[in-house]
């Protein structure tokens, strides 16, 4: 019998958008856990693993730990805490950590970030069926609302805009990979392929994950520290030209760091399957599939 797992990547630190603080994150996780308990995924076993990128908020960690072992609709909740590691990796880093810890225990894997929830009954069962019916497919993306065909003009412009910031902020070791991933994405979209799955949300099997790790060493994400710009971000209120200049440059370092995670983590996390001879495909479009806590409503998904 296949063993099924779902990883939800958790972060309790301050964010630019909702949930802004750990108290907001606790609020949405209360609802997310309720959803895991009540929603029928269509399979008779499914453990939900919350992998917390531990930024040291004890109250939040205790909250999450209190649910460890809680029974869900067809399994139980498990809680892992990933070391902070200077803030590197974001959600894909947590997924890599969780998979490496538990890879011998599960066959099918579903990945999700903590500010979303899936609300369609049987979503897991249908994902497995889609994956098993396509020998050329290694990942079923649930958040693929992107237009597939593109000239790549916008991507090429952004690629060159970030060349200098990447070098200025000391990320030159990421530059070659950054350019290769964007070029690959452009070529795939010109062919009408889905170049990546949004928000790393989707379904795969351990055999594909193991193949990626065998070749790449880890599931894709850049191992670069978070510059933690928020410590400097409010100095505009101070009457100091130096503080304003310093804030401007620290913030732009954060933008570059964040951009590299978009390209080398969120996009490359699923694009990488093309490198090993597979494709990624979208979960069939359905209404009311993905609820976004940030938006306070369902995501509009468009598949061309």
Protein backbone atom coordinates (compact mmCIF):
# COMPACT_ATOMS: atom_id res chain seq x y z
CA UNK A 1 0.00 0.00 0.00
CA UNK A 2 1.31 3.43 -0.93
CA UNK A 3 2.19 5.74 1.95
CA UNK A 4 1.14 9.36 1.56
CA UNK A 5 2.53 12.58 2.96
CA UNK A 6 1.80 16.30 2.77
CA UNK A 7 4.39 18.87 3.79
CA UNK A 8 3.22 22.33 4.80
CA UNK A 9 6.12 24.78 5.10
CA UNK A 10 5.67 27.13 8.08
CA UNK A 11 7.30 30.43 8.99
CA UNK A 12 6.43 32.50 12.08
CA UNK A 13 8.64 35.52 11.37
CA UNK A 14 7.59 38.98 10.18
CA UNK A 15 6.39 39.08 6.55
CA UNK A 16 5.80 41.83 4.03
CA UNK A 17 2.21 40.69 3.44
CA UNK A 18 -0.43 38.89 5.49
CA UNK A 19 0.16 36.98 7.73
CA UNK A 20 2.36 39.81 8.99
CA UNK A 21 3.31 38.42 12.43
CA UNK A 22 3.48 35.11 14.23
CA UNK A 23 0.08 35.81 15.80
CA UNK A 24 -1.42 36.11 12.31
CA UNK A 25 0.31 32.88 11.30
CA UNK A 26 -1.07 31.07 14.35
CA UNK A 27 -4.54 32.28 13.38
CA UNK A 28 -4.36 30.89 9.85
CA UNK A 29 -2.74 27.64 11.00
CA UNK A 30 -5.66 27.05 13.37
CA UNK A 31 -7.92 27.11 10.33
CA UNK A 32 -5.47 25.11 8.20
CA UNK A 33 -5.27 22.34 10.80
CA UNK A 34 -9.06 22.28 11.05
CA UNK A 35 -9.12 21.84 7.27
CA UNK A 36 -6.70 18.88 7.48
CA UNK A 37 -8.98 17.26 10.05
CA UNK A 38 -12.22 17.76 8.13
CA UNK A 39 -11.30 17.54 4.42
CA UNK A 40 -11.44 14.11 2.76
CA UNK A 41 -8.30 13.85 0.55
CA UNK A 42 -9.63 10.69 -1.12
CA UNK A 43 -6.90 8.38 0.21
CA UNK A 44 -7.02 6.11 3.23
CA UNK A 45 -3.71 7.33 4.67
CA UNK A 46 -2.24 10.81 4.61
CA UNK A 47 0.01 12.35 7.25
CA UNK A 48 0.37 16.13 7.33
CA UNK A 49 3.87 17.28 8.23
CA UNK A 50 4.35 20.88 9.32
CA UNK A 51 7.98 21.88 8.78
CA UNK A 52 8.70 25.07 10.70
CA UNK A 53 11.65 27.23 9.63
CA UNK A 54 12.48 27.99 13.24
CA UNK A 55 13.14 31.71 13.79
CA UNK A 56 13.08 31.30 17.56
CA UNK A 57 9.56 32.40 18.56
CA UNK A 58 8.91 30.05 21.48
CA UNK A 59 5.19 30.80 21.82
CA UNK A 60 4.62 29.97 18.14
CA UNK A 61 6.73 26.81 18.32
CA UNK A 62 4.80 25.64 21.38
CA UNK A 63 1.54 26.26 19.56
CA UNK A 64 2.63 24.09 16.65
CA UNK A 65 4.05 21.37 18.91
CA UNK A 66 0.69 21.09 20.69
CA UNK A 67 -0.79 19.56 17.52
CA UNK A 68 1.92 16.93 17.03
CA UNK A 69 0.15 13.55 16.82
CA UNK A 70 -3.32 15.05 16.29
CA UNK A 71 -5.54 12.82 14.16
CA UNK A 72 -6.48 14.20 10.74
CA UNK A 73 -9.09 12.87 8.29
CA UNK A 74 -6.96 9.89 7.29
CA UNK A 75 -3.70 10.24 9.18
CA UNK A 76 -1.98 12.37 11.78
CA UNK A 77 -0.10 15.65 12.15
CA UNK A 78 3.66 15.59 12.53
CA UNK A 79 5.82 18.59 13.43
CA UNK A 80 9.43 19.20 12.43
CA UNK A 81 11.53 22.27 13.19
CA UNK A 82 14.18 23.20 10.62
CA UNK A 83 17.19 25.09 12.04
CA UNK A 84 17.23 28.76 11.11
CA UNK A 85 20.43 28.48 9.06
CA UNK A 86 20.72 32.27 8.63
CA UNK A 87 17.26 32.37 7.04
CA UNK A 88 18.26 30.56 3.84
CA UNK A 89 15.91 28.50 1.70
CA UNK A 90 12.43 29.79 2.57
CA UNK A 91 9.67 27.21 1.86
CA UNK A 92 11.65 25.05 -0.62
CA UNK A 93 14.41 24.74 1.97
CA UNK A 94 11.87 23.46 4.50
CA UNK A 95 10.48 20.99 1.98
CA UNK A 96 13.99 19.71 1.22
CA UNK A 97 14.59 19.32 4.96
CA UNK A 98 11.32 17.46 5.53
CA UNK A 99 11.81 15.12 2.59
CA UNK A 100 15.32 14.17 3.62
CA UNK A 101 14.14 13.47 7.16
CA UNK A 102 11.18 11.31 6.16
CA UNK A 103 11.96 10.01 2.65
CA UNK A 104 12.01 6.36 3.77
CA UNK A 105 8.54 6.63 5.28
CA UNK A 106 6.38 7.87 2.39
CA UNK A 107 5.85 7.26 -1.33
CA UNK A 108 3.68 10.15 -2.58
CA UNK A 109 4.37 13.72 -1.54
CA UNK A 110 2.28 16.89 -1.66
CA UNK A 111 3.86 20.29 -0.99
CA UNK A 112 2.16 23.47 0.19
CA UNK A 113 3.03 26.80 1.81
CA UNK A 114 1.33 27.79 5.04
CA UNK A 115 -0.69 30.73 3.70
CA UNK A 116 -2.85 28.52 1.44
CA UNK A 117 -5.20 25.60 1.86
CA UNK A 118 -6.71 23.11 -0.58
CA UNK A 119 -10.47 22.72 -0.13
CA UNK A 120 -11.48 20.28 -2.89
CA UNK A 121 -12.45 16.81 -1.73
CA UNK A 122 -10.37 13.95 -3.22
CA UNK A 123 -7.60 16.35 -4.33
CA UNK A 124 -4.86 13.94 -3.23
CA UNK A 125 -6.40 10.87 -4.85
CA UNK A 126 -6.87 12.70 -8.15
CA UNK A 127 -3.29 13.97 -8.06
CA UNK A 128 -1.97 10.43 -7.69
CA UNK A 129 -4.16 9.26 -10.58
CA UNK A 130 -2.90 12.04 -12.86
CA UNK A 131 0.72 11.33 -11.92
CA UNK A 132 0.36 7.59 -12.50
CA UNK A 133 -1.37 8.00 -15.86
CA UNK A 134 1.48 10.05 -17.35
CA UNK A 135 4.84 8.28 -17.55
CA UNK A 136 6.48 11.47 -18.80
CA UNK A 137 5.25 13.53 -15.85
CA UNK A 138 7.08 13.96 -12.54
CA UNK A 139 5.07 16.75 -10.92
CA UNK A 140 1.41 17.78 -10.91
CA UNK A 141 1.14 21.49 -10.12
CA UNK A 142 -1.98 22.69 -8.33
CA UNK A 143 -1.22 26.41 -8.66
CA UNK A 144 -0.49 26.65 -12.38
CA UNK A 145 -2.54 29.62 -13.51
CA UNK A 146 0.20 31.06 -15.67
CA UNK A 147 -0.19 31.55 -19.42
CA UNK A 148 1.96 28.89 -21.03
CA UNK A 149 2.99 30.50 -24.32
CA UNK A 150 5.24 33.54 -24.13
CA UNK A 151 7.92 35.33 -26.14
CA UNK A 152 9.97 35.60 -22.94
CA UNK A 153 10.59 39.34 -23.42
CA UNK A 154 9.69 40.29 -19.83
CA UNK A 155 11.80 37.48 -18.38
CA UNK A 156 14.80 38.50 -20.48
CA UNK A 157 14.50 42.12 -19.33
CA UNK A 158 14.36 41.09 -15.67
CA UNK A 159 17.27 38.72 -16.20
CA UNK A 160 19.51 41.61 -17.30
CA UNK A 161 18.17 44.08 -14.73
CA UNK A 162 19.38 41.82 -11.92
CA UNK A 163 22.86 41.12 -13.31
CA UNK A 164 24.51 44.07 -11.54
CA UNK A 165 22.67 43.76 -8.18
CA UNK A 166 23.56 40.06 -8.02
CA UNK A 167 27.23 40.93 -8.42
CA UNK A 168 27.12 43.98 -6.13
CA UNK A 169 25.61 42.09 -3.22
CA UNK A 170 28.05 39.21 -3.38
CA UNK A 171 25.84 36.60 -5.01
CA UNK A 172 28.09 36.03 -8.03
CA UNK A 173 28.10 32.27 -7.38
CA UNK A 174 24.37 32.31 -8.18
CA UNK A 175 24.62 34.31 -11.40
CA UNK A 176 25.30 31.48 -13.86
CA UNK A 177 22.51 29.32 -12.44
CA UNK A 178 20.18 32.33 -12.34
CA UNK A 179 20.71 32.95 -16.07
CA UNK A 180 20.37 29.26 -17.00
CA UNK A 181 17.06 28.88 -15.14
CA UNK A 182 15.55 31.98 -16.77
CA UNK A 183 16.72 30.91 -20.24
CA UNK A 184 15.28 27.44 -19.69
CA UNK A 185 11.96 28.88 -18.49
CA UNK A 186 11.75 31.15 -21.55
CA UNK A 187 12.45 28.25 -23.92
CA UNK A 188 9.87 26.04 -22.24
CA UNK A 189 7.18 28.70 -22.39
CA UNK A 190 7.91 29.35 -26.06
CA UNK A 191 7.13 25.67 -26.64
CA UNK A 192 3.88 25.95 -24.69
CA UNK A 193 5.17 23.95 -21.74
CA UNK A 194 4.36 24.78 -18.14
CA UNK A 195 7.76 25.97 -17.01
CA UNK A 196 7.07 25.82 -13.27
CA UNK A 197 4.40 25.28 -10.63
CA UNK A 198 3.42 28.36 -8.65
CA UNK A 199 4.17 28.38 -4.92
CA UNK A 200 5.85 24.94 -5.23
CA UNK A 201 2.36 23.55 -4.61
CA UNK A 202 1.73 20.10 -5.99
CA UNK A 203 2.13 16.35 -6.07
CA UNK A 204 5.07 14.08 -6.87
CA UNK A 205 6.57 10.70 -5.97
CA UNK A 206 9.70 9.94 -3.99
CA UNK A 207 11.38 8.34 -7.01
CA UNK A 208 11.41 11.70 -8.79
CA UNK A 209 12.55 13.58 -5.70
CA UNK A 210 15.36 11.10 -5.20
CA UNK A 211 16.46 11.55 -8.82
CA UNK A 212 16.68 15.31 -8.35
CA UNK A 213 18.71 14.94 -5.16
CA UNK A 214 20.98 12.34 -6.75
CA UNK A 215 21.89 14.80 -9.50
CA UNK A 216 21.58 18.17 -7.72
CA UNK A 217 22.39 17.25 -4.12
CA UNK A 218 19.19 18.82 -2.78
CA UNK A 219 15.78 19.99 -3.88
CA UNK A 220 16.34 23.40 -5.53
CA UNK A 221 16.89 26.51 -3.40
CA UNK A 222 19.81 28.92 -3.02
CA UNK A 223 21.69 28.48 0.24
CA UNK A 224 22.23 32.21 0.85
CA UNK A 225 21.55 34.02 4.17
CA UNK A 226 18.58 36.34 4.59
CA UNK A 227 20.01 39.90 4.79
CA UNK A 228 17.31 40.67 7.36
CA UNK A 229 16.57 44.15 6.04
CA UNK A 230 13.71 44.73 8.50
CA UNK A 231 16.17 45.64 11.24
CA UNK A 232 17.01 48.73 9.21
CA UNK A 233 13.75 49.37 7.43
CA UNK A 234 12.17 51.98 9.69
CA UNK A 235 15.06 54.43 9.88
CA UNK A 236 13.45 56.73 7.31
CA UNK A 237 11.69 58.32 10.27
CA UNK A 238 15.04 59.45 11.66
CA UNK A 239 16.62 62.72 10.56
CA UNK A 240 19.80 61.17 9.22
CA UNK A 241 20.86 61.12 5.58
CA UNK A 242 23.22 58.24 6.40
CA UNK A 243 20.37 56.14 7.82
CA UNK A 244 18.26 56.79 4.73
CA UNK A 245 21.10 55.81 2.39
CA UNK A 246 21.90 52.73 4.47
CA UNK A 247 18.26 51.65 4.49
CA UNK A 248 18.00 52.05 0.71
CA UNK A 249 20.97 49.76 0.09
CA UNK A 250 20.03 47.15 2.70
CA UNK A 251 16.51 46.97 1.29
CA UNK A 252 17.80 46.53 -2.24
CA UNK A 253 20.03 43.70 -1.06
CA UNK A 254 16.90 42.05 0.31
CA UNK A 255 15.11 42.51 -3.04
CA UNK A 256 18.01 40.81 -4.82
CA UNK A 257 18.04 37.98 -2.25
CA UNK A 258 14.29 37.55 -2.64
CA UNK A 259 14.53 37.59 -6.44
CA UNK A 260 17.13 34.83 -6.35
CA UNK A 261 14.73 32.72 -4.29
CA UNK A 262 11.97 33.31 -6.83
CA UNK A 263 14.22 32.07 -9.65
CA UNK A 264 16.38 29.45 -7.92
CA UNK A 265 13.79 28.15 -5.45
CA UNK A 266 10.16 28.68 -6.48
CA UNK A 267 10.69 28.41 -10.24
CA UNK A 268 13.55 25.92 -10.32
CA UNK A 269 11.85 23.70 -7.72
CA UNK A 270 9.61 22.23 -10.43
CA UNK A 271 11.40 23.35 -13.60
CA UNK A 272 14.23 21.03 -12.60
CA UNK A 273 12.22 17.98 -13.70
CA UNK A 274 12.80 18.92 -17.32
CA UNK A 275 16.55 18.56 -16.65
CA UNK A 276 16.07 14.89 -15.79
CA UNK A 277 13.80 14.06 -18.71
CA UNK A 278 10.29 14.65 -17.38
CA UNK A 279 7.50 17.22 -17.67
CA UNK A 280 5.30 19.03 -15.20
CA UNK A 281 1.57 19.38 -15.82
CA UNK A 282 -1.31 21.25 -14.17
CA UNK A 283 -3.99 19.78 -11.96
CA UNK A 284 -7.28 20.11 -13.88
CA UNK A 285 -8.78 23.55 -13.44
CA UNK A 286 -11.46 23.62 -10.80
CA UNK A 287 -13.33 26.36 -9.01
CA UNK A 288 -12.73 26.84 -5.29
CA UNK A 289 -9.57 24.76 -5.22
CA UNK A 290 -6.95 26.97 -3.55
CA UNK A 291 -7.89 29.34 -0.75
CA UNK A 292 -5.39 32.15 -0.11
CA UNK A 293 -5.32 33.56 3.40
CA UNK A 294 -3.39 36.56 2.06
CA UNK A 295 -6.13 37.38 -0.45
CA UNK A 296 -8.97 36.34 1.84
CA UNK A 297 -10.51 34.31 -0.98
CA UNK A 298 -9.94 31.70 -3.65
CA UNK A 299 -7.23 32.07 -6.25
CA UNK A 300 -8.39 32.58 -9.80
CA UNK A 301 -6.70 29.92 -11.87
CA UNK A 302 -6.37 30.29 -15.61
CA UNK A 303 -4.78 27.58 -17.73
CA UNK A 304 -4.19 28.28 -21.41
